[in-house]
């Protein structure tokens, strides 16, 4: 069977999608100063969205910080790395 004969029966290929935008910041932990700024702006009645855009931090990072109300980050979980070989 000729491919050109069945070509009208095939659906149009989808338009190429643009790649999703990367997050505002690379995946990293927020600093103490960033958390402090988030809590300060939230205390001034800024929305999570406005804080996120202003500080270029993910919305979820802002939400998490505001819900926990802790400006100092927790220590990393897990065993500490070995500094020297014994």
PDB file of N, CA and C in Angstrom:
ATOM      1  N   UNK A   1       0.852  -1.178   0.000  1.00  0.00           N
ATOM      2  CA  UNK A   1       0.000   0.000   0.000  1.00  0.00           C
ATOM      3  C   UNK A   1       0.896   1.237   0.000  1.00  0.00           C
ATOM      4  N   UNK A   2       0.507   2.194  -0.748  1.00  0.00           N
ATOM      5  CA  UNK A   2       1.283   3.419  -0.897  1.00  0.00           C
ATOM      6  C   UNK A   2       1.084   4.315   0.330  1.00  0.00           C
ATOM      7  N   UNK A   3       2.170   4.823   0.899  1.00  0.00           N
ATOM      8  CA  UNK A   3       2.074   5.682   2.084  1.00  0.00           C
ATOM      9  C   UNK A   3       1.361   6.989   1.782  1.00  0.00           C
ATOM     10  N   UNK A   4       1.512   7.488   0.579  1.00  0.00           N
ATOM     11  CA  UNK A   4       0.838   8.737   0.231  1.00  0.00           C
ATOM     12  C   UNK A   4      -0.675   8.567   0.179  1.00  0.00           C
ATOM     13  N   UNK A   5      -1.127   7.342  -0.090  1.00  0.00           N
ATOM     14  CA  UNK A   5      -2.562   7.091  -0.152  1.00  0.00           C
ATOM     15  C   UNK A   5      -3.191   7.140   1.239  1.00  0.00           C
ATOM     16  N   UNK A   6      -2.452   6.730   2.268  1.00  0.00           N
ATOM     17  CA  UNK A   6      -3.025   6.735   3.620  1.00  0.00           C
ATOM     18  C   UNK A   6      -2.670   8.001   4.390  1.00  0.00           C
ATOM     19  N   UNK A   7      -1.824   8.838   3.830  1.00  0.00           N
ATOM     20  CA  UNK A   7      -1.414  10.064   4.518  1.00  0.00           C
ATOM     21  C   UNK A   7      -2.587  10.946   4.912  1.00  0.00           C
ATOM     22  N   UNK A   8      -3.633  11.110   4.072  1.00  0.00           N
ATOM     23  CA  UNK A   8      -4.755  11.949   4.503  1.00  0.00           C
ATOM     24  C   UNK A   8      -5.506  11.376   5.699  1.00  0.00           C
ATOM     25  N   UNK A   9      -5.371  10.079   5.949  1.00  0.00           N
ATOM     26  CA  UNK A   9      -6.082   9.449   7.059  1.00  0.00           C
ATOM     27  C   UNK A   9      -5.360   9.647   8.393  1.00  0.00           C
ATOM     28  N   UNK A  10      -4.074   9.957   8.332  1.00  0.00           N
ATOM     29  CA  UNK A  10      -3.299  10.120   9.560  1.00  0.00           C
ATOM     30  C   UNK A  10      -3.565  11.486  10.182  1.00  0.00           C
ATOM     31  N   UNK A  11      -3.597  11.542  11.515  1.00  0.00           N
ATOM     32  CA  UNK A  11      -3.817  12.841  12.163  1.00  0.00           C
ATOM     33  C   UNK A  11      -2.599  13.739  11.985  1.00  0.00           C
ATOM     34  N   UNK A  12      -2.843  15.021  12.100  1.00  0.00           N
ATOM     35  CA  UNK A  12      -1.760  15.999  12.004  1.00  0.00           C
ATOM     36  C   UNK A  12      -0.807  15.799  13.180  1.00  0.00           C
ATOM     37  N   UNK A  13       0.488  15.921  12.950  1.00  0.00           N
ATOM     38  CA  UNK A  13       1.407  15.821  14.092  1.00  0.00           C
ATOM     39  C   UNK A  13       1.202  17.008  15.022  1.00  0.00           C
ATOM     40  N   UNK A  14       1.354  16.785  16.332  1.00  0.00           N
ATOM     41  CA  UNK A  14       1.155  17.899  17.272  1.00  0.00           C
ATOM     42  C   UNK A  14       2.239  18.955  17.091  1.00  0.00           C
ATOM     43  N   UNK A  15       1.869  20.171  17.440  1.00  0.00           N
ATOM     44  CA  UNK A  15       2.830  21.272  17.386  1.00  0.00           C
ATOM     45  C   UNK A  15       3.924  21.005  18.418  1.00  0.00           C
ATOM     46  N   UNK A  16       5.173  21.315  18.094  1.00  0.00           N
ATOM     47  CA  UNK A  16       6.228  21.106  19.098  1.00  0.00           C
ATOM     48  C   UNK A  16       5.998  22.009  20.301  1.00  0.00           C
ATOM     49  N   UNK A  17       6.153  21.425  21.458  1.00  0.00           N
ATOM     50  CA  UNK A  17       5.954  22.179  22.699  1.00  0.00           C
ATOM     51  C   UNK A  17       7.245  22.873  23.096  1.00  0.00           C
ATOM     52  N   UNK A  18       7.072  24.014  23.723  1.00  0.00           N
ATOM     53  CA  UNK A  18       8.239  24.699  24.272  1.00  0.00           C
ATOM     54  C   UNK A  18       8.633  23.991  25.559  1.00  0.00           C
ATOM     55  N   UNK A  19       9.922  23.900  25.855  1.00  0.00           N
ATOM     56  CA  UNK A  19      10.323  23.247  27.099  1.00  0.00           C
ATOM     57  C   UNK A  19       9.801  24.035  28.293  1.00  0.00           C
ATOM     58  N   UNK A  20       9.469  23.337  29.384  1.00  0.00           N
ATOM     59  CA  UNK A  20       8.976  24.059  30.562  1.00  0.00           C
ATOM     60  C   UNK A  20      10.054  24.977  31.107  1.00  0.00           C
ATOM     61  N   UNK A  21       9.609  26.057  31.715  1.00  0.00           N
ATOM     62  CA  UNK A  21      10.563  27.001  32.293  1.00  0.00           C
ATOM     63  C   UNK A  21      11.230  26.369  33.507  1.00  0.00           C
ATOM     64  N   UNK A  22      12.527  26.576  33.663  1.00  0.00           N
ATOM     65  CA  UNK A  22      13.193  26.030  34.838  1.00  0.00           C
ATOM     66  C   UNK A  22      12.706  26.760  36.086  1.00  0.00           C
ATOM     67  N   UNK A  23      12.864  26.136  37.257  1.00  0.00           N
ATOM     68  CA  UNK A  23      12.460  26.821  38.482  1.00  0.00           C
ATOM     69  C   UNK A  23      13.228  28.127  38.644  1.00  0.00           C
ATOM     70  N   UNK A  24      12.694  28.996  39.473  1.00  0.00           N
ATOM     71  CA  UNK A  24      13.308  30.307  39.668  1.00  0.00           C
ATOM     72  C   UNK A  24      14.755  30.178  40.147  1.00  0.00           C
ATOM     73  N   UNK A  25      15.009  29.204  40.990  1.00  0.00           N
ATOM     74  CA  UNK A  25      16.369  28.968  41.458  1.00  0.00           C
ATOM     75  C   UNK A  25      16.675  27.487  41.305  1.00  0.00           C
ATOM     76  N   UNK A  26      17.927  27.136  41.179  1.00  0.00           N
ATOM     77  CA  UNK A  26      18.266  25.716  41.150  1.00  0.00           C
ATOM     78  C   UNK A  26      17.842  25.061  42.456  1.00  0.00           C
ATOM     79  N   UNK A  27      17.678  23.751  42.418  1.00  0.00           N
ATOM     80  CA  UNK A  27      17.264  23.061  43.630  1.00  0.00           C
ATOM     81  C   UNK A  27      18.388  23.125  44.651  1.00  0.00           C
ATOM     82  N   UNK A  28      18.199  23.955  45.638  1.00  0.00           N
ATOM     83  CA  UNK A  28      19.163  24.095  46.717  1.00  0.00           C
ATOM     84  C   UNK A  28      18.399  24.529  47.953  1.00  0.00           C
ATOM     85  N   UNK A  29      19.032  24.405  49.077  1.00  0.00           N
ATOM     86  CA  UNK A  29      18.375  24.811  50.317  1.00  0.00           C
ATOM     87  C   UNK A  29      18.403  26.324  50.449  1.00  0.00           C
ATOM     88  N   UNK A  30      17.357  26.853  51.070  1.00  0.00           N
ATOM     89  CA  UNK A  30      17.297  28.295  51.289  1.00  0.00           C
ATOM     90  C   UNK A  30      18.257  28.671  52.411  1.00  0.00           C
ATOM     91  N   UNK A  31      18.851  29.829  52.297  1.00  0.00           N
ATOM     92  CA  UNK A  31      19.760  30.298  53.342  1.00  0.00           C
ATOM     93  C   UNK A  31      18.952  30.886  54.499  1.00  0.00           C
ATOM     94  N   UNK A  32      19.632  31.095  55.603  1.00  0.00           N
ATOM     95  CA  UNK A  32      18.983  31.692  56.771  1.00  0.00           C
ATOM     96  C   UNK A  32      18.453  33.077  56.426  1.00  0.00           C
ATOM     97  N   UNK A  33      19.223  33.840  55.665  1.00  0.00           N
ATOM     98  CA  UNK A  33      18.800  35.194  55.287  1.00  0.00           C
ATOM     99  C   UNK A  33      17.574  35.169  54.378  1.00  0.00           C
ATOM    100  N   UNK A  34      17.518  34.202  53.458  1.00  0.00           N
ATOM    101  CA  UNK A  34      16.343  34.094  52.593  1.00  0.00           C
ATOM    102  C   UNK A  34      15.101  33.762  53.410  1.00  0.00           C
ATOM    103  N   UNK A  35      15.237  32.840  54.361  1.00  0.00           N
ATOM    104  CA  UNK A  35      14.095  32.474  55.207  1.00  0.00           C
ATOM    105  C   UNK A  35      13.647  33.662  56.053  1.00  0.00           C
ATOM    106  N   UNK A  36      14.622  34.405  56.574  1.00  0.00           N
ATOM    107  CA  UNK A  36      14.298  35.598  57.357  1.00  0.00           C
ATOM    108  C   UNK A  36      13.535  36.610  56.511  1.00  0.00           C
ATOM    109  N   UNK A  37      13.996  36.833  55.279  1.00  0.00           N
ATOM    110  CA  UNK A  37      13.325  37.772  54.379  1.00  0.00           C
ATOM    111  C   UNK A  37      11.905  37.318  54.058  1.00  0.00           C
ATOM    112  N   UNK A  38      11.729  36.014  53.855  1.00  0.00           N
ATOM    113  CA  UNK A  38      10.392  35.480  53.563  1.00  0.00           C
ATOM    114  C   UNK A  38       9.450  35.772  54.720  1.00  0.00           C
ATOM    115  N   UNK A  39       9.898  35.481  55.942  1.00  0.00           N
ATOM    116  CA  UNK A  39       9.041  35.699  57.110  1.00  0.00           C
ATOM    117  C   UNK A  39       8.766  37.186  57.329  1.00  0.00           C
ATOM    118  N   UNK A  40       9.746  38.025  57.047  1.00  0.00           N
ATOM    119  CA  UNK A  40       9.561  39.467  57.189  1.00  0.00           C
ATOM    120  C   UNK A  40       8.506  39.970  56.201  1.00  0.00           C
ATOM    121  N   UNK A  41       8.626  39.577  54.935  1.00  0.00           N
ATOM    122  CA  UNK A  41       7.664  40.022  53.917  1.00  0.00           C
ATOM    123  C   UNK A  41       6.271  39.457  54.185  1.00  0.00           C
ATOM    124  N   UNK A  42       6.207  38.236  54.676  1.00  0.00           N
ATOM    125  CA  UNK A  42       4.898  37.646  54.991  1.00  0.00           C
ATOM    126  C   UNK A  42       4.251  38.416  56.137  1.00  0.00           C
ATOM    127  N   UNK A  43       5.068  38.872  57.091  1.00  0.00           N
ATOM    128  CA  UNK A  43       4.561  39.688  58.191  1.00  0.00           C
ATOM    129  C   UNK A  43       4.026  41.031  57.719  1.00  0.00           C
ATOM    130  N   UNK A  44       4.487  41.476  56.547  1.00  0.00           N
ATOM    131  CA  UNK A  44       3.994  42.724  55.950  1.00  0.00           C
ATOM    132  C   UNK A  44       2.811  42.468  55.017  1.00  0.00           C
ATOM    133  N   UNK A  45       2.209  41.293  55.135  1.00  0.00           N
ATOM    134  CA  UNK A  45       1.018  40.884  54.371  1.00  0.00           C
ATOM    135  C   UNK A  45       1.272  40.706  52.878  1.00  0.00           C
ATOM    136  N   UNK A  46       2.481  40.328  52.497  1.00  0.00           N
ATOM    137  CA  UNK A  46       2.753  39.981  51.105  1.00  0.00           C
ATOM    138  C   UNK A  46       2.206  38.577  50.860  1.00  0.00           C
ATOM    139  N   UNK A  47       1.767  38.302  49.651  1.00  0.00           N
ATOM    140  CA  UNK A  47       1.281  36.960  49.305  1.00  0.00           C
ATOM    141  C   UNK A  47       2.472  36.054  49.009  1.00  0.00           C
ATOM    142  N   UNK A  48       2.235  34.734  49.074  1.00  0.00           N
ATOM    143  CA  UNK A  48       3.287  33.778  48.740  1.00  0.00           C
ATOM    144  C   UNK A  48       3.792  34.035  47.321  1.00  0.00           C
ATOM    145  N   UNK A  49       2.868  34.284  46.402  1.00  0.00           N
ATOM    146  CA  UNK A  49       3.232  34.496  45.001  1.00  0.00           C
ATOM    147  C   UNK A  49       4.122  35.730  44.841  1.00  0.00           C
ATOM    148  N   UNK A  50       3.755  36.808  45.512  1.00  0.00           N
ATOM    149  CA  UNK A  50       4.524  38.051  45.405  1.00  0.00           C
ATOM    150  C   UNK A  50       5.920  37.878  46.009  1.00  0.00           C
ATOM    151  N   UNK A  51       6.007  37.183  47.134  1.00  0.00           N
ATOM    152  CA  UNK A  51       7.303  36.918  47.765  1.00  0.00           C
ATOM    153  C   UNK A  51       8.156  36.051  46.844  1.00  0.00           C
ATOM    154  N   UNK A  52       7.542  35.023  46.276  1.00  0.00           N
ATOM    155  CA  UNK A  52       8.239  34.113  45.379  1.00  0.00           C
ATOM    156  C   UNK A  52       8.845  34.850  44.192  1.00  0.00           C
ATOM    157  N   UNK A  53       8.075  35.725  43.585  1.00  0.00           N
ATOM    158  CA  UNK A  53       8.559  36.482  42.429  1.00  0.00           C
ATOM    159  C   UNK A  53       9.630  37.497  42.830  1.00  0.00           C
ATOM    160  N   UNK A  54       9.441  38.151  43.962  1.00  0.00           N
ATOM    161  CA  UNK A  54      10.377  39.192  44.403  1.00  0.00           C
ATOM    162  C   UNK A  54      11.746  38.613  44.763  1.00  0.00           C
ATOM    163  N   UNK A  55      11.755  37.496  45.484  1.00  0.00           N
ATOM    164  CA  UNK A  55      13.012  36.903  45.937  1.00  0.00           C
ATOM    165  C   UNK A  55      13.543  35.833  44.983  1.00  0.00           C
ATOM    166  N   UNK A  56      12.790  35.541  43.917  1.00  0.00           N
ATOM    167  CA  UNK A  56      13.155  34.509  42.945  1.00  0.00           C
ATOM    168  C   UNK A  56      13.379  33.162  43.624  1.00  0.00           C
ATOM    169  N   UNK A  57      12.391  32.772  44.422  1.00  0.00           N
ATOM    170  CA  UNK A  57      12.380  31.504  45.139  1.00  0.00           C
ATOM    171  C   UNK A  57      11.097  30.795  44.739  1.00  0.00           C
ATOM    172  N   UNK A  58      11.101  29.470  44.765  1.00  0.00           N
ATOM    173  CA  UNK A  58       9.895  28.747  44.381  1.00  0.00           C
ATOM    174  C   UNK A  58       8.750  29.059  45.343  1.00  0.00           C
ATOM    175  N   UNK A  59       7.545  28.976  44.813  1.00  0.00           N
ATOM    176  CA  UNK A  59       6.341  29.210  45.605  1.00  0.00           C
ATOM    177  C   UNK A  59       6.309  28.241  46.784  1.00  0.00           C
ATOM    178  N   UNK A  60       6.642  26.987  46.523  1.00  0.00           N
ATOM    179  CA  UNK A  60       6.589  25.966  47.564  1.00  0.00           C
ATOM    180  C   UNK A  60       7.609  26.247  48.673  1.00  0.00           C
ATOM    181  N   UNK A  61       8.775  26.775  48.306  1.00  0.00           N
ATOM    182  CA  UNK A  61       9.778  27.132  49.309  1.00  0.00           C
ATOM    183  C   UNK A  61       9.283  28.227  50.230  1.00  0.00           C
ATOM    184  N   UNK A  62       8.578  29.191  49.652  1.00  0.00           N
ATOM    185  CA  UNK A  62       7.994  30.278  50.446  1.00  0.00           C
ATOM    186  C   UNK A  62       6.908  29.719  51.359  1.00  0.00           C
ATOM    187  N   UNK A  63       6.049  28.878  50.802  1.00  0.00           N
ATOM    188  CA  UNK A  63       4.948  28.304  51.576  1.00  0.00           C
ATOM    189  C   UNK A  63       5.488  27.480  52.746  1.00  0.00           C
ATOM    190  N   UNK A  64       6.477  26.643  52.488  1.00  0.00           N
ATOM    191  CA  UNK A  64       7.053  25.790  53.523  1.00  0.00           C
ATOM    192  C   UNK A  64       7.648  26.632  54.649  1.00  0.00           C
ATOM    193  N   UNK A  65       8.387  27.666  54.294  1.00  0.00           N
ATOM    194  CA  UNK A  65       9.017  28.526  55.298  1.00  0.00           C
ATOM    195  C   UNK A  65       7.969  29.234  56.148  1.00  0.00           C
ATOM    196  N   UNK A  66       6.910  29.727  55.506  1.00  0.00           N
ATOM    197  CA  UNK A  66       5.867  30.443  56.247  1.00  0.00           C
ATOM    198  C   UNK A  66       5.087  29.510  57.165  1.00  0.00           C
ATOM    199  N   UNK A  67       4.832  28.296  56.724  1.00  0.00           N
ATOM    200  CA  UNK A  67       4.072  27.354  57.545  1.00  0.00           C
ATOM    201  C   UNK A  67       4.868  26.924  58.769  1.00  0.00           C
ATOM    202  N   UNK A  68       6.183  26.774  58.630  1.00  0.00           N
ATOM    203  CA  UNK A  68       7.004  26.331  59.753  1.00  0.00           C
ATOM    204  C   UNK A  68       7.486  27.480  60.624  1.00  0.00           C
ATOM    205  N   UNK A  69       7.478  28.692  60.079  1.00  0.00           N
ATOM    206  CA  UNK A  69       7.875  29.896  60.808  1.00  0.00           C
ATOM    207  C   UNK A  69       9.231  29.757  61.487  1.00  0.00           C
ATOM    208  N   UNK A  70      10.173  29.133  60.788  1.00  0.00           N
ATOM    209  CA  UNK A  70      11.518  28.950  61.328  1.00  0.00           C
ATOM    210  C   UNK A  70      12.504  29.597  60.367  1.00  0.00           C
ATOM    211  N   UNK A  71      13.264  30.564  60.858  1.00  0.00           N
ATOM    212  CA  UNK A  71      14.212  31.258  59.992  1.00  0.00           C
ATOM    213  C   UNK A  71      15.528  30.501  59.850  1.00  0.00           C
ATOM    214  N   UNK A  72      15.849  29.653  60.827  1.00  0.00           N
ATOM    215  CA  UNK A  72      17.101  28.902  60.729  1.00  0.00           C
ATOM    216  C   UNK A  72      16.807  27.515  60.170  1.00  0.00           C
ATOM    217  N   UNK A  73      17.518  27.110  59.123  1.00  0.00           N
ATOM    218  CA  UNK A  73      17.254  25.801  58.525  1.00  0.00           C
ATOM    219  C   UNK A  73      17.695  24.671  59.441  1.00  0.00           C
ATOM    220  N   UNK A  74      17.077  23.516  59.254  1.00  0.00           N
ATOM    221  CA  UNK A  74      17.457  22.341  60.031  1.00  0.00           C
ATOM    222  C   UNK A  74      18.781  21.800  59.520  1.00  0.00           C
ATOM    223  N   UNK A  75      19.466  21.065  60.388  1.00  0.00           N
ATOM    224  CA  UNK A  75      20.701  20.426  59.957  1.00  0.00           C
ATOM    225  C   UNK A  75      20.348  19.317  58.972  1.00  0.00           C
ATOM    226  N   UNK A  76      21.275  19.032  58.073  1.00  0.00           N
ATOM    227  CA  UNK A  76      21.062  17.983  57.091  1.00  0.00           C
ATOM    228  C   UNK A  76      20.943  16.635  57.794  1.00  0.00           C
ATOM    229  N   UNK A  77      20.015  15.818  57.319  1.00  0.00           N
ATOM    230  CA  UNK A  77      19.841  14.489  57.882  1.00  0.00           C
ATOM    231  C   UNK A  77      20.927  13.562  57.345  1.00  0.00           C
ATOM    232  N   UNK A  78      21.195  12.523  58.079  1.00  0.00           N
ATOM    233  CA  UNK A  78      22.149  11.526  57.602  1.00  0.00           C
ATOM    234  C   UNK A  78      23.484  11.609  58.311  1.00  0.00           C
ATOM    235  N   UNK A  79      24.283  10.640  57.996  1.00  0.00           N
ATOM    236  CA  UNK A  79      25.602  10.552  58.606  1.00  0.00           C
ATOM    237  C   UNK A  79      26.513  11.641  58.042  1.00  0.00           C
ATOM    238  N   UNK A  80      27.289  12.311  58.911  1.00  0.00           N
ATOM    239  CA  UNK A  80      28.200  13.340  58.396  1.00  0.00           C
ATOM    240  C   UNK A  80      29.292  12.710  57.528  1.00  0.00           C
ATOM    241  N   UNK A  81      29.772  13.465  56.556  1.00  0.00           N
ATOM    242  CA  UNK A  81      30.812  12.942  55.674  1.00  0.00           C
ATOM    243  C   UNK A  81      32.123  12.802  56.435  1.00  0.00           C
ATOM    244  N   UNK A  82      32.920  11.839  55.982  1.00  0.00           N
ATOM    245  CA  UNK A  82      34.211  11.594  56.618  1.00  0.00           C
ATOM    246  C   UNK A  82      35.208  12.611  56.076  1.00  0.00           C
ATOM    247  N   UNK A  83      35.871  13.341  56.952  1.00  0.00           N
ATOM    248  CA  UNK A  83      36.777  14.393  56.527  1.00  0.00           C
ATOM    249  C   UNK A  83      38.163  13.872  56.176  1.00  0.00           C
ATOM    250  N   UNK A  84      38.616  12.860  56.863  1.00  0.00           N
ATOM    251  CA  UNK A  84      39.945  12.316  56.575  1.00  0.00           C
ATOM    252  C   UNK A  84      39.896  10.798  56.681  1.00  0.00           C
ATOM    253  N   UNK A  85      40.809  10.163  55.978  1.00  0.00           N
ATOM    254  CA  UNK A  85      40.861   8.707  56.024  1.00  0.00           C
ATOM    255  C   UNK A  85      41.675   8.279  57.234  1.00  0.00           C
ATOM    256  N   UNK A  86      41.188   7.265  57.920  1.00  0.00           N
ATOM    257  CA  UNK A  86      41.894   6.768  59.103  1.00  0.00           C
ATOM    258  C   UNK A  86      42.567   5.455  58.810  1.00  0.00           C
TER     259      UNK A  86
END
